[in-house]
Amino acid sequence: MQCRVHLVPAASATTETLAAHIASLNACSSVDGIIAQLPFPSHICRRTILSDISPSKDVDGMHPLNVAAAFDSAEAPFIPCTALGVRILLDQYGISTAGKHAVVVGRGPIAGRSIAVALGHSDATVTICHKQTQNLGAITSSAELLVSATGCASLITPRHVRPGAVVIDVGAAFDASGRLVGDVESQVAEVAGAITPVPGGVGPMTVVGLLLNTFTAYTRNNNVNRYVDSLRFCSLRRGGAFTSLQKQ
């Protein structure tokens, strides 16, 4: 697998020039996957750029057609990478979501919203919270599975967590000392039944999701007679490259 990074200076980039660059990548037969790194500068139209990426090469799963497909079915060709990574993570550790109350804090299209959809496909009862939610702690403390994806450091404290709950920390921010931290305070580990660390938790699993989507794009774009479904939702071997969930 080869990876090329195309850097477009923010100061000189426009929606039109970036769209033209994407069009050239869409037409290139040697390119199987395209990802536009978000967020964009404010003068770049996010909707236009994501819509211009060919759906068959949209390995981030953010083209409107792929978003709709992922909403409709758990077997969509391209599931947004973070949601796919969280699903694989839960599968790896044998954590069933069927019939459980899952609370997702954050409703952004890249993480929170897509994770909520994926959990719904896995038969969880899903509640989505956001910055306008009242009495956040009363809702999150009822969750058997709590996912936080806001990018607000230390938003989730022990009082927000039901004892024994599984806590998935998708957030990433820097504290006052410049250290990378998640949405979840470290003391939550004393309450949770299992918790993902930051860094080293959901981040690596998002990369796994991206690689699986890229492999899917390759097989579909090149008519390779090989099924990727068994790879997509396989359980990763315990004790392997990632220590993504810490059971307490």
Foldseek 3Di string as FASTA:
>chain_A
DDDDDDDDDLVPDAQVVLLVVLVVLQPDLVQLADDDDDDHPPRHDPLSNLCSHPPLRHQQQPHPVSLVQLLVAVPGLHQHLLLLLVLLVCVQVVNQQAAFEEEEEDCDPRHRVSNQSNSVNSRHRYHYHYPPDPPQLVRQQRGLEYEYADQDDQQAELSSHHAAHEYEWNHWYADPVRDIATNHDPCNLVRYQKYFGPPQASVVSSVVSSVLSSVSSVCVSVVPPDDSVCVSNPHDHPPPDGPHMGGD
